[in-house]
Structures are given as structure tokens and as C-alpha cells.
C-alpha atoms as a PDB file:
ATOM      1  CA  MET A   1       0.000   0.000   0.000  1.00  0.00           C
ATOM      2  CA  ASP A   2       1.228   3.486  -0.847  1.00  0.00           C
ATOM      3  CA  MET A   3       2.164   5.518   2.205  1.00  0.00           C
ATOM      4  CA  THR A   4       2.024   8.974   0.564  1.00  0.00           C
ATOM      5  CA  ASN A   5      -1.502   9.876   1.742  1.00  0.00           C
ATOM      6  CA  ASP A   6      -0.750   8.665   5.273  1.00  0.00           C
ATOM      7  CA  ILE A   7       2.425  10.769   5.347  1.00  0.00           C
ATOM      8  CA  LYS A   8       0.523  13.903   4.262  1.00  0.00           C
ATOM      9  CA  ALA A   9      -2.371  13.321   6.676  1.00  0.00           C
ATOM     10  CA  GLY A  10       0.006  12.400   9.510  1.00  0.00           C
ATOM     11  CA  ILE A  11       2.102  15.548   9.057  1.00  0.00           C
ATOM     12  CA  LYS A  12      -1.033  17.726   8.893  1.00  0.00           C
ATOM     13  CA  THR A  13      -2.315  16.154  12.126  1.00  0.00           C
ATOM     14  CA  LEU A  14       1.041  16.548  13.906  1.00  0.00           C
ATOM     15  CA  LEU A  15       1.412  20.179  12.770  1.00  0.00           C
ATOM     16  CA  GLY A  16      -2.068  20.842  14.163  1.00  0.00           C
ATOM     17  CA  GLY A  17      -1.113  19.520  17.597  1.00  0.00           C
ATOM     18  CA  GLY A  18      -2.904  16.199  17.099  1.00  0.00           C
ATOM     19  CA  THR A  19      -2.042  12.622  17.969  1.00  0.00           C
ATOM     20  CA  ILE A  20      -1.474   9.741  15.570  1.00  0.00           C
ATOM     21  CA  ILE A  21      -1.298   5.965  15.769  1.00  0.00           C
ATOM     22  CA  TYR A  22       1.395   4.766  13.398  1.00  0.00           C
ATOM     23  CA  PRO A  23       3.777   1.911  12.591  1.00  0.00           C
ATOM     24  CA  THR A  24       7.353   2.478  13.724  1.00  0.00           C
ATOM     25  CA  ASP A  25      10.608   0.612  13.231  1.00  0.00           C
ATOM     26  CA  THR A  26       9.582  -1.505  16.251  1.00  0.00           C
ATOM     27  CA  ILE A  27       5.939  -1.728  17.385  1.00  0.00           C
ATOM     28  CA  TRP A  28       2.849   0.405  16.712  1.00  0.00           C
ATOM     29  CA  GLY A  29       3.185   3.802  18.321  1.00  0.00           C
ATOM     30  CA  LEU A  30       1.077   6.629  19.638  1.00  0.00           C
ATOM     31  CA  GLY A  31       2.761   9.869  18.699  1.00  0.00           C
ATOM     32  CA  CYS A  32       2.711  13.627  18.517  1.00  0.00           C
ATOM     33  CA  ASP A  33       5.060  16.556  17.915  1.00  0.00           C
ATOM     34  CA  ALA A  34       7.660  16.147  20.693  1.00  0.00           C
ATOM     35  CA  THR A  35       8.047  19.943  20.945  1.00  0.00           C
ATOM     36  CA  ASN A  36       4.326  20.644  21.524  1.00  0.00           C
ATOM     37  CA  SER A  37       3.458  20.592  25.251  1.00  0.00           C
ATOM     38  CA  ALA A  38      -0.322  20.435  24.727  1.00  0.00           C
ATOM     39  CA  ALA A  39       0.071  17.457  22.364  1.00  0.00           C
ATOM     40  CA  VAL A  40       2.342  15.680  24.852  1.00  0.00           C
ATOM     41  CA  GLU A  41      -0.260  16.217  27.584  1.00  0.00           C
ATOM     42  CA  LYS A  42      -2.854  14.568  25.281  1.00  0.00           C
ATOM     43  CA  ILE A  43      -0.598  11.490  24.992  1.00  0.00           C
ATOM     44  CA  PHE A  44      -0.427  11.126  28.782  1.00  0.00           C
ATOM     45  CA  ALA A  45      -4.205  11.581  29.074  1.00  0.00           C
ATOM     46  CA  ILE A  46      -4.961   9.040  26.320  1.00  0.00           C
ATOM     47  CA  LYS A  47      -2.676   6.406  27.828  1.00  0.00           C
ATOM     48  CA  ASN A  48      -3.729   7.100  31.438  1.00  0.00           C
ATOM     49  CA  ARG A  49       0.012   7.320  32.068  1.00  0.00           C
ATOM     50  CA  GLU A  50       1.707   9.054  34.965  1.00  0.00           C
ATOM     51  CA  GLU A  51       3.352  12.250  33.762  1.00  0.00           C
ATOM     52  CA  THR A  52       6.462  11.300  35.737  1.00  0.00           C
ATOM     53  CA  LYS A  53       7.192   8.542  33.191  1.00  0.00           C
ATOM     54  CA  SER A  54       9.218   9.851  30.277  1.00  0.00           C
ATOM     55  CA  LEU A  55       8.456   9.228  26.604  1.00  0.00           C
ATOM     56  CA  ILE A  56      10.675   7.975  23.776  1.00  0.00           C
ATOM     57  CA  VAL A  57      11.344  10.350  20.896  1.00  0.00           C
ATOM     58  CA  LEU A  58      12.204   9.554  17.278  1.00  0.00           C
ATOM     59  CA  VAL A  59      14.529  11.687  15.142  1.00  0.00           C
ATOM     60  CA  ASP A  60      15.561  11.101  11.533  1.00  0.00           C
ATOM     61  CA  SER A  61      19.301  11.792  11.817  1.00  0.00           C
ATOM     62  CA  THR A  62      22.190  12.495  14.158  1.00  0.00           C
ATOM     63  CA  ALA A  63      21.981  16.123  12.980  1.00  0.00           C
ATOM     64  CA  MET A  64      18.432  16.330  14.376  1.00  0.00           C
ATOM     65  CA  LEU A  65      19.529  14.461  17.515  1.00  0.00           C
ATOM     66  CA  GLU A  66      22.107  17.175  18.213  1.00  0.00           C
ATOM     67  CA  ARG A  67      19.344  19.825  18.283  1.00  0.00           C
ATOM     68  CA  TYR A  68      17.502  18.034  21.108  1.00  0.00           C
ATOM     69  CA  VAL A  69      20.324  16.753  23.333  1.00  0.00           C
ATOM     70  CA  THR A  70      22.792  19.019  25.141  1.00  0.00           C
ATOM     71  CA  TYR A  71      25.700  16.661  24.495  1.00  0.00           C
ATOM     72  CA  VAL A  72      26.032  13.544  22.330  1.00  0.00           C
ATOM     73  CA  PRO A  73      28.979  11.409  23.534  1.00  0.00           C
ATOM     74  CA  ASP A  74      31.233   9.866  20.880  1.00  0.00           C
ATOM     75  CA  ILE A  75      30.173   6.372  21.985  1.00  0.00           C
ATOM     76  CA  ALA A  76      26.568   7.233  21.048  1.00  0.00           C
ATOM     77  CA  TYR A  77      27.561   8.061  17.469  1.00  0.00           C
ATOM     78  CA  GLN A  78      29.475   4.784  17.291  1.00  0.00           C
ATOM     79  CA  LEU A  79      26.553   2.755  18.636  1.00  0.00           C
ATOM     80  CA  ILE A  80      24.073   4.423  16.263  1.00  0.00           C
ATOM     81  CA  GLU A  81      26.371   3.686  13.326  1.00  0.00           C
ATOM     82  CA  VAL A  82      26.989   0.001  14.086  1.00  0.00           C
ATOM     83  CA  THR A  83      23.649  -1.160  15.478  1.00  0.00           C
ATOM     84  CA  ASP A  84      21.711  -3.482  13.201  1.00  0.00           C
ATOM     85  CA  SER A  85      18.449  -3.236  15.158  1.00  0.00           C
ATOM     86  CA  PRO A  86      16.495  -0.321  16.650  1.00  0.00           C
ATOM     87  CA  LEU A  87      18.352   1.208  19.611  1.00  0.00           C
ATOM     88  CA  THR A  88      16.965   3.874  21.925  1.00  0.00           C
ATOM     89  CA  ILE A  89      19.589   5.781  23.883  1.00  0.00           C
ATOM     90  CA  VAL A  90      18.819   7.723  27.055  1.00  0.00           C
ATOM     91  CA  TYR A  91      20.969  10.855  27.102  1.00  0.00           C
ATOM     92  CA  PRO A  92      21.737  12.743  30.344  1.00  0.00           C
ATOM     93  CA  ARG A  93      20.049  15.986  29.263  1.00  0.00           C
ATOM     94  CA  GLY A  94      17.542  16.883  26.572  1.00  0.00           C
ATOM     95  CA  LYS A  95      16.724  20.353  25.232  1.00  0.00           C
ATOM     96  CA  ASN A  96      14.119  22.062  23.034  1.00  0.00           C
ATOM     97  CA  LEU A  97      11.499  19.379  23.818  1.00  0.00           C
ATOM     98  CA  ALA A  98       8.054  19.769  25.372  1.00  0.00           C
ATOM     99  CA  ARG A  99       7.695  19.504  29.115  1.00  0.00           C
ATOM    100  CA  GLY A 100       6.949  15.909  30.088  1.00  0.00           C
ATOM    101  CA  VAL A 101       8.906  14.267  27.285  1.00  0.00           C
ATOM    102  CA  GLY A 102      12.037  13.804  29.382  1.00  0.00           C
ATOM    103  CA  ALA A 103      12.446  12.325  32.837  1.00  0.00           C
ATOM    104  CA  ALA A 104      12.447  14.395  36.040  1.00  0.00           C
ATOM    105  CA  ASP A 105      16.266  14.370  36.032  1.00  0.00           C
ATOM    106  CA  GLY A 106      16.323  15.967  32.564  1.00  0.00           C
ATOM    107  CA  SER A 107      17.347  12.805  30.712  1.00  0.00           C
ATOM    108  CA  VAL A 108      15.625  11.885  27.463  1.00  0.00           C
ATOM    109  CA  GLY A 109      15.330   8.675  25.413  1.00  0.00           C
ATOM    110  CA  ILE A 110      15.854   9.215  21.679  1.00  0.00           C
ATOM    111  CA  ARG A 111      16.118   6.819  18.749  1.00  0.00           C
ATOM    112  CA  VAL A 112      17.532   7.708  15.350  1.00  0.00           C
ATOM    113  CA  CYS A 113      14.898   5.985  13.257  1.00  0.00           C
ATOM    114  CA  GLU A 114      15.733   4.485   9.880  1.00  0.00           C
ATOM    115  CA  ASP A 115      12.207   3.312   9.059  1.00  0.00           C
ATOM    116  CA  PRO A 116      11.154   4.974   5.754  1.00  0.00           C
ATOM    117  CA  PHE A 117       7.630   5.814   6.942  1.00  0.00           C
ATOM    118  CA  CYS A 118       8.724   7.364  10.255  1.00  0.00           C
ATOM    119  CA  SER A 119      11.625   9.186   8.610  1.00  0.00           C
ATOM    120  CA  GLU A 120       9.248  10.834   6.112  1.00  0.00           C
ATOM    121  CA  LEU A 121       6.891  11.904   8.916  1.00  0.00           C
ATOM    122  CA  ILE A 122       9.768  13.420  10.883  1.00  0.00           C
ATOM    123  CA  ARG A 123      11.237  15.155   7.820  1.00  0.00           C
ATOM    124  CA  GLY A 124       7.835  16.588   6.924  1.00  0.00           C
ATOM    125  CA  LEU A 125       7.236  17.836  10.463  1.00  0.00           C
ATOM    126  CA  ARG A 126      10.857  19.035  10.765  1.00  0.00           C
ATOM    127  CA  ARG A 127      10.759  18.107  14.436  1.00  0.00           C
ATOM    128  CA  PRO A 128      11.040  14.923  16.500  1.00  0.00           C
ATOM    129  CA  ILE A 129       8.020  12.730  17.132  1.00  0.00           C
ATOM    130  CA  VAL A 130       6.953  11.109  20.390  1.00  0.00           C
ATOM    131  CA  SER A 131       6.863   7.338  20.033  1.00  0.00           C
ATOM    132  CA  THR A 132       5.194   5.616  22.939  1.00  0.00           C
ATOM    133  CA  SER A 133       3.520   2.239  22.530  1.00  0.00           C
ATOM    134  CA  ALA A 134      -0.065   2.449  21.256  1.00  0.00           C
ATOM    135  CA  ASN A 135      -1.622   0.978  24.385  1.00  0.00           C
ATOM    136  CA  PHE A 136      -3.174   2.057  27.652  1.00  0.00           C
ATOM    137  CA  SER A 137      -0.627   2.235  30.459  1.00  0.00           C
ATOM    138  CA  GLY A 138       0.060  -1.238  31.826  1.00  0.00           C
ATOM    139  CA  ALA A 139      -1.409  -3.103  28.819  1.00  0.00           C
ATOM    140  CA  PRO A 140       0.805  -5.147  26.463  1.00  0.00           C
ATOM    141  CA  SER A 141       2.582  -3.267  23.667  1.00  0.00           C
ATOM    142  CA  PRO A 142       0.985  -3.789  20.215  1.00  0.00           C
ATOM    143  CA  ALA A 143       3.305  -5.849  18.007  1.00  0.00           C
ATOM    144  CA  ILE A 144       0.823  -5.621  15.105  1.00  0.00           C
ATOM    145  CA  PHE A 145      -2.082  -3.280  14.368  1.00  0.00           C
ATOM    146  CA  SER A 146      -4.774  -5.764  15.411  1.00  0.00           C
ATOM    147  CA  ASP A 147      -3.249  -5.809  18.935  1.00  0.00           C
ATOM    148  CA  ILE A 148      -4.299  -2.185  19.501  1.00  0.00           C
ATOM    149  CA  ASP A 149      -7.342  -1.676  21.735  1.00  0.00           C
ATOM    150  CA  PRO A 150     -10.208  -0.194  19.648  1.00  0.00           C
ATOM    151  CA  LYS A 151     -10.910   2.236  22.518  1.00  0.00           C
ATOM    152  CA  LEU A 152      -7.388   3.633  22.143  1.00  0.00           C
ATOM    153  CA  ILE A 153      -7.775   3.846  18.358  1.00  0.00           C
ATOM    154  CA  ALA A 154     -10.909   5.965  18.874  1.00  0.00           C
ATOM    155  CA  THR A 155      -8.917   8.547  20.889  1.00  0.00           C
ATOM    156  CA  ALA A 156      -6.329   9.340  18.190  1.00  0.00           C
ATOM    157  CA  ASP A 157      -6.755  12.243  15.794  1.00  0.00           C
ATOM    158  CA  TYR A 158      -5.380  10.157  12.910  1.00  0.00           C
ATOM    159  CA  VAL A 159      -4.770   6.426  12.472  1.00  0.00           C
ATOM    160  CA  VAL A 160      -2.351   5.426   9.727  1.00  0.00           C
ATOM    161  CA  GLU A 161      -3.581   2.863   7.171  1.00  0.00           C
ATOM    162  CA  TYR A 162      -0.076   1.881   6.010  1.00  0.00           C
ATOM    163  CA  ARG A 163       1.112  -1.514   7.321  1.00  0.00           C
ATOM    164  CA  ARG A 164      -2.139  -2.358   9.133  1.00  0.00           C
ATOM    165  CA  GLU A 165      -2.147  -5.755   7.404  1.00  0.00           C
ATOM    166  CA  ASP A 166       1.433  -6.652   8.426  1.00  0.00           C
ATOM    167  CA  ILE A 167       1.559  -9.880  10.414  1.00  0.00           C
ATOM    168  CA  VAL A 168       5.250  -9.762  11.301  1.00  0.00           C
ATOM    169  CA  ARG A 169       5.220  -9.001  15.002  1.00  0.00           C
ATOM    170  CA  GLY A 170       7.435  -6.070  16.008  1.00  0.00           C
ATOM    171  CA  LYS A 171       9.277  -5.827  19.293  1.00  0.00           C
ATOM    172  CA  ALA A 172      10.362  -2.900  21.419  1.00  0.00           C
ATOM    173  CA  SER A 173      13.806  -1.434  20.793  1.00  0.00           C
ATOM    174  CA  SER A 174      16.848  -2.128  22.893  1.00  0.00           C
ATOM    175  CA  LEU A 175      17.231   0.630  25.476  1.00  0.00           C
ATOM    176  CA  ILE A 176      20.490   1.852  26.977  1.00  0.00           C
ATOM    177  CA  LYS A 177      21.455   4.832  29.107  1.00  0.00           C
ATOM    178  CA  ILE A 178      24.693   6.728  28.622  1.00  0.00           C
ATOM    179  CA  ASN A 179      25.619   8.474  31.862  1.00  0.00           C
ATOM    180  CA  SER A 180      27.450  11.808  32.076  1.00  0.00           C
ATOM    181  CA  ASP A 181      30.686   9.955  32.866  1.00  0.00           C
ATOM    182  CA  GLY A 182      30.359   7.871  29.687  1.00  0.00           C
ATOM    183  CA  THR A 183      29.333   4.635  31.384  1.00  0.00           C
ATOM    184  CA  ILE A 184      26.571   2.638  29.724  1.00  0.00           C
ATOM    185  CA  VAL A 185      23.688   0.873  31.450  1.00  0.00           C
ATOM    186  CA  VAL A 186      21.509  -1.620  29.562  1.00  0.00           C
ATOM    187  CA  LEU A 187      17.873  -0.940  30.497  1.00  0.00           C
ATOM    188  CA  ARG A 188      16.190  -3.313  28.027  1.00  0.00           C
ATOM    189  CA  LYS A 189      17.712  -5.847  25.637  1.00  0.00           C
END
């Protein structure tokens, strides 16, 4: 299925402060413009998620990453370059993102996404996109579209058609934290 119409409609929704349900490079996500505080608040309300829990953000390049993180350690560039599967890195301090995206300590989880659909959305928006699992807080993450609760689908401003029929089950990205001293902690394999 052609993704062009979904890209256009998704960008329009994101630019308008709306929320979308969309396929990512991992699982199905619930997203919004990561720089729009009102949109981020909608995500927390939809998911019934505590605002103290941070959200993952997708960017389309290391150049975009540098605009939303105060410092990108050399090891992060190396890991992004060599990883052969989706990798989310928690950086010590984010910047230029909506309140609530990062953790209370200022850290932020960002993934440089290579998925063509997500990359086009991000490029069209020209800003990072929130990518939290398309589920209510505490429910299982949706590996395929049919796993998403219809009640959650009804809350989104736009639901992408592209890849709804995929039956290959996605899985959440690996998640690591790079501390200020350069040490790395694996949070999820």
C-alpha cells in the first residue's frame, strides 16, 4: 500500500497539535510533535500514564539528535552507526522538547529511526516525534495493528492505514542509558 496519503495526513495532524497511531521501526506507536506541550499532555491523558514517566522520541538523523540533546557522547555516534536493530539511547540531558517528554532528572530517550515511513513523517514535520507504545498504560505493547485496543484507536486524531495488514510481530527497541561519565547501562535488551 502506498504511504504517501498517510504521510501527508500524519504531518497535517502533527502540525495541528494532534495525535497519531502509526507503525514504527519496532511496534505500533502513539505519537505527537515532541516539541508541543499540549500534544504531549494529550498522549499522557490518552494512555492514562503518569506524567512522571518519560516518553521515547524519534529523530531522523544524528543532525536532528544534536538539536535536542545538550551533548552527544562519541560512543553514542558509534553505537548508532553500528547497530543493526532499533536502539533507543537515554541521554543525560535533553533540550528544546516539550515539558513531560524527558524524565524528572532531565534525561531523554531518543532513537535515530531508519524506518522509511517514520523518517518521512519526521522530515515533513521538521521536528522529532513522540513514540510511545499504542496501548493504555500497563497493557501489552501492540506488536501488530490488530493488537491495539479499539478504545485507544478511537482517541487518536489520525490512524495510519499503512502496514495495518502486516503480520510480522514487532518488538520494542533495545534501550540503553549513557551516563554523564560515559558509562553505559543496559535498560532493556
